[in-house]
C-alpha cells in the first residue's frame, strides 16, 4: 500500500506540474514577462480551458489524497 501511494504521489506530482504549465496566463504575472501577455484569437476555446481546469482539479485531489495517505502511513510506522 505504501509503495502504491508513493508511486501515485510521484505520478500525480509530475502530471500536476504539467497541467498547471499548460494553463493560459490571465494577467500581468510571470507569463506576460516572457511574452505570454500577447493574446491571439486562435489561442484555444473555452471548452478546452474548462476541461483542463477539471482535469487539473482531479489530479490535484488525487495528489492531496496521496499526500495524506503517505503521511498517515509514515506516522503509523
N, C-alpha and C. Protein backbone atom coordinates (compact mmCIF):
# COMPACT_ATOMS: atom_id res chain seq x y z
N UNK A 1 0.83 -1.20 0.00
CA UNK A 1 0.00 0.00 0.00
C UNK A 1 0.87 1.26 0.00
N UNK A 2 1.94 1.22 0.80
CA UNK A 2 2.82 2.39 0.90
C UNK A 2 3.49 2.65 -0.45
N UNK A 3 3.95 1.59 -1.12
CA UNK A 3 4.59 1.74 -2.42
C UNK A 3 3.61 2.28 -3.46
N UNK A 4 2.38 1.79 -3.43
CA UNK A 4 1.36 2.27 -4.36
C UNK A 4 1.08 3.76 -4.17
N UNK A 5 0.97 4.19 -2.92
CA UNK A 5 0.72 5.61 -2.64
C UNK A 5 1.91 6.48 -3.03
N UNK A 6 3.12 5.98 -2.83
CA UNK A 6 4.30 6.75 -3.22
C UNK A 6 4.39 6.89 -4.74
N UNK A 7 4.09 5.83 -5.47
CA UNK A 7 4.11 5.90 -6.94
C UNK A 7 3.00 6.83 -7.43
N UNK A 8 1.83 6.74 -6.81
CA UNK A 8 0.72 7.63 -7.17
C UNK A 8 1.09 9.08 -6.90
N UNK A 9 1.79 9.33 -5.80
CA UNK A 9 2.20 10.68 -5.46
C UNK A 9 3.19 11.23 -6.47
N UNK A 10 4.14 10.43 -6.90
CA UNK A 10 5.13 10.89 -7.88
C UNK A 10 4.47 11.16 -9.23
N UNK A 11 3.63 10.24 -9.68
CA UNK A 11 2.97 10.41 -10.98
C UNK A 11 2.03 11.61 -10.97
N UNK A 12 1.26 11.75 -9.89
CA UNK A 12 0.32 12.88 -9.83
C UNK A 12 1.07 14.21 -9.68
N UNK A 13 2.22 14.21 -9.04
CA UNK A 13 3.01 15.45 -8.93
C UNK A 13 3.50 15.91 -10.30
N UNK A 14 4.03 14.97 -11.07
CA UNK A 14 4.51 15.32 -12.41
C UNK A 14 3.36 15.79 -13.29
N UNK A 15 2.22 15.07 -13.24
CA UNK A 15 1.06 15.46 -14.04
C UNK A 15 0.53 16.83 -13.62
N UNK A 16 0.52 17.10 -12.32
CA UNK A 16 0.02 18.39 -11.85
C UNK A 16 0.90 19.54 -12.32
N UNK A 17 2.21 19.35 -12.30
CA UNK A 17 3.11 20.39 -12.79
C UNK A 17 2.86 20.63 -14.28
N UNK A 18 2.73 19.57 -15.05
CA UNK A 18 2.50 19.72 -16.49
C UNK A 18 1.16 20.38 -16.78
N UNK A 19 0.13 20.00 -16.04
CA UNK A 19 -1.19 20.60 -16.27
C UNK A 19 -1.21 22.08 -15.90
N UNK A 20 -0.55 22.45 -14.83
CA UNK A 20 -0.51 23.86 -14.45
C UNK A 20 0.25 24.67 -15.50
N UNK A 21 1.32 24.09 -16.03
CA UNK A 21 2.07 24.81 -17.06
C UNK A 21 1.30 24.94 -18.37
N UNK A 22 0.33 24.07 -18.61
CA UNK A 22 -0.48 24.16 -19.82
C UNK A 22 -1.52 25.28 -19.77
N UNK A 23 -1.84 25.74 -18.58
CA UNK A 23 -2.86 26.78 -18.46
C UNK A 23 -2.38 28.09 -19.09
N UNK A 24 -3.35 28.81 -19.61
CA UNK A 24 -3.07 30.11 -20.22
C UNK A 24 -2.96 31.16 -19.12
N UNK A 25 -1.99 32.04 -19.25
CA UNK A 25 -1.82 33.10 -18.27
C UNK A 25 -2.93 34.12 -18.36
N UNK A 26 -3.43 34.59 -17.22
CA UNK A 26 -4.53 35.57 -17.21
C UNK A 26 -4.15 36.77 -16.37
N UNK A 27 -3.28 37.59 -16.84
CA UNK A 27 -2.93 38.76 -16.05
C UNK A 27 -1.51 39.19 -16.29
N UNK A 28 -1.04 40.05 -15.46
CA UNK A 28 0.29 40.59 -15.62
C UNK A 28 1.34 39.88 -14.80
N UNK A 29 1.25 38.57 -14.68
CA UNK A 29 2.21 37.83 -13.89
C UNK A 29 3.46 37.48 -14.68
N UNK A 30 4.08 36.40 -14.32
CA UNK A 30 5.31 35.98 -14.97
C UNK A 30 5.09 35.59 -16.43
N UNK A 31 3.89 35.15 -16.77
CA UNK A 31 3.65 34.74 -18.15
C UNK A 31 3.74 35.93 -19.11
N UNK A 32 3.33 37.11 -18.65
CA UNK A 32 3.42 38.28 -19.53
C UNK A 32 4.86 38.80 -19.62
N UNK A 33 5.67 38.46 -18.64
CA UNK A 33 7.07 38.87 -18.67
C UNK A 33 7.82 38.19 -19.81
N UNK A 34 7.46 36.96 -20.12
CA UNK A 34 8.14 36.20 -21.16
C UNK A 34 7.36 36.16 -22.46
N UNK A 35 6.48 37.10 -22.70
CA UNK A 35 5.75 37.18 -23.96
C UNK A 35 4.39 36.52 -23.94
N UNK A 36 3.94 36.07 -22.79
CA UNK A 36 2.63 35.44 -22.71
C UNK A 36 1.50 36.44 -22.65
N UNK A 37 1.81 37.71 -22.56
CA UNK A 37 0.79 38.73 -22.46
C UNK A 37 0.08 39.01 -23.76
N UNK A 38 0.71 38.65 -24.88
CA UNK A 38 0.08 38.87 -26.17
C UNK A 38 -0.91 37.74 -26.45
N UNK A 39 -2.15 38.11 -26.58
CA UNK A 39 -3.21 37.14 -26.82
C UNK A 39 -3.52 37.09 -28.31
N UNK A 40 -3.70 35.89 -28.81
CA UNK A 40 -4.15 35.77 -30.20
C UNK A 40 -5.55 35.19 -30.22
N UNK A 41 -6.25 35.43 -31.29
CA UNK A 41 -7.62 34.94 -31.38
C UNK A 41 -7.66 33.44 -31.63
N UNK A 42 -6.55 32.83 -31.99
CA UNK A 42 -6.52 31.40 -32.26
C UNK A 42 -5.95 30.61 -31.09
N UNK A 43 -5.96 31.15 -29.89
CA UNK A 43 -5.27 30.53 -28.76
C UNK A 43 -6.09 29.48 -28.02
N UNK A 44 -7.19 29.02 -28.53
CA UNK A 44 -7.94 27.95 -27.89
C UNK A 44 -9.33 28.38 -27.52
N UNK A 45 -10.14 27.39 -27.21
CA UNK A 45 -11.53 27.68 -26.89
C UNK A 45 -11.76 27.56 -25.39
N UNK A 46 -12.91 28.02 -24.97
CA UNK A 46 -13.22 27.97 -23.55
C UNK A 46 -13.54 26.54 -23.10
N UNK A 47 -13.98 25.68 -24.02
CA UNK A 47 -14.27 24.29 -23.67
C UNK A 47 -12.98 23.58 -23.28
N UNK A 48 -11.92 23.85 -24.01
CA UNK A 48 -10.63 23.24 -23.69
C UNK A 48 -10.14 23.72 -22.34
N UNK A 49 -10.30 25.00 -22.06
CA UNK A 49 -9.89 25.55 -20.76
C UNK A 49 -10.69 24.93 -19.62
N UNK A 50 -12.00 24.75 -19.82
CA UNK A 50 -12.82 24.14 -18.78
C UNK A 50 -12.40 22.71 -18.52
N UNK A 51 -12.14 21.96 -19.58
CA UNK A 51 -11.71 20.58 -19.41
C UNK A 51 -10.34 20.51 -18.75
N UNK A 52 -9.45 21.43 -19.09
CA UNK A 52 -8.14 21.48 -18.47
C UNK A 52 -8.25 21.83 -16.99
N UNK A 53 -9.17 22.73 -16.65
CA UNK A 53 -9.42 23.07 -15.25
C UNK A 53 -9.93 21.86 -14.47
N UNK A 54 -10.87 21.15 -15.06
CA UNK A 54 -11.43 19.95 -14.40
C UNK A 54 -10.37 18.88 -14.20
N UNK A 55 -9.55 18.66 -15.21
CA UNK A 55 -8.51 17.66 -15.11
C UNK A 55 -7.46 18.06 -14.07
N UNK A 56 -7.14 19.35 -14.01
CA UNK A 56 -6.19 19.83 -13.01
C UNK A 56 -6.74 19.65 -11.60
N UNK A 57 -8.02 19.96 -11.40
CA UNK A 57 -8.63 19.76 -10.08
C UNK A 57 -8.67 18.29 -9.70
N UNK A 58 -8.95 17.41 -10.65
CA UNK A 58 -9.00 15.98 -10.38
C UNK A 58 -7.62 15.45 -9.99
N UNK A 59 -6.60 15.83 -10.75
CA UNK A 59 -5.24 15.37 -10.44
C UNK A 59 -4.77 15.99 -9.13
N UNK A 60 -5.16 17.23 -8.87
CA UNK A 60 -4.81 17.86 -7.60
C UNK A 60 -5.44 17.16 -6.41
N UNK A 61 -6.68 16.70 -6.56
CA UNK A 61 -7.32 15.97 -5.46
C UNK A 61 -6.67 14.61 -5.26
N UNK A 62 -6.27 13.95 -6.34
CA UNK A 62 -5.54 12.68 -6.22
C UNK A 62 -4.21 12.93 -5.49
N UNK A 63 -3.56 14.04 -5.80
CA UNK A 63 -2.29 14.39 -5.16
C UNK A 63 -2.48 14.60 -3.66
N UNK A 64 -3.52 15.34 -3.29
CA UNK A 64 -3.78 15.61 -1.87
C UNK A 64 -4.09 14.31 -1.12
N UNK A 65 -4.88 13.44 -1.72
CA UNK A 65 -5.21 12.16 -1.09
C UNK A 65 -3.96 11.32 -0.90
N UNK A 66 -3.07 11.31 -1.90
CA UNK A 66 -1.83 10.53 -1.76
C UNK A 66 -0.92 11.12 -0.70
N UNK A 67 -0.84 12.44 -0.60
CA UNK A 67 0.00 13.07 0.42
C UNK A 67 -0.52 12.71 1.82
N UNK A 68 -1.83 12.80 2.00
CA UNK A 68 -2.41 12.45 3.30
C UNK A 68 -2.20 10.97 3.60
N UNK A 69 -2.37 10.12 2.60
CA UNK A 69 -2.18 8.68 2.80
C UNK A 69 -0.75 8.33 3.17
N UNK A 70 0.21 8.89 2.46
CA UNK A 70 1.62 8.63 2.77
C UNK A 70 1.96 9.18 4.15
N UNK A 71 1.44 10.34 4.48
CA UNK A 71 1.69 10.92 5.80
C UNK A 71 1.14 10.05 6.92
N UNK A 72 -0.06 9.52 6.72
CA UNK A 72 -0.65 8.65 7.74
C UNK A 72 0.12 7.35 7.87
N UNK A 73 0.56 6.79 6.74
CA UNK A 73 1.32 5.55 6.80
C UNK A 73 2.68 5.75 7.45
N UNK A 74 3.30 6.90 7.23
CA UNK A 74 4.59 7.18 7.87
C UNK A 74 4.42 7.42 9.37
N UNK A 75 3.29 7.99 9.75
CA UNK A 75 3.05 8.27 11.16
C UNK A 75 2.79 6.96 11.93
N UNK A 76 2.12 6.03 11.29
CA UNK A 76 1.82 4.74 11.94
C UNK A 76 3.07 3.89 12.05
N UNK A 77 3.91 3.92 11.01
CA UNK A 77 5.10 3.05 11.00
C UNK A 77 6.21 3.55 11.82
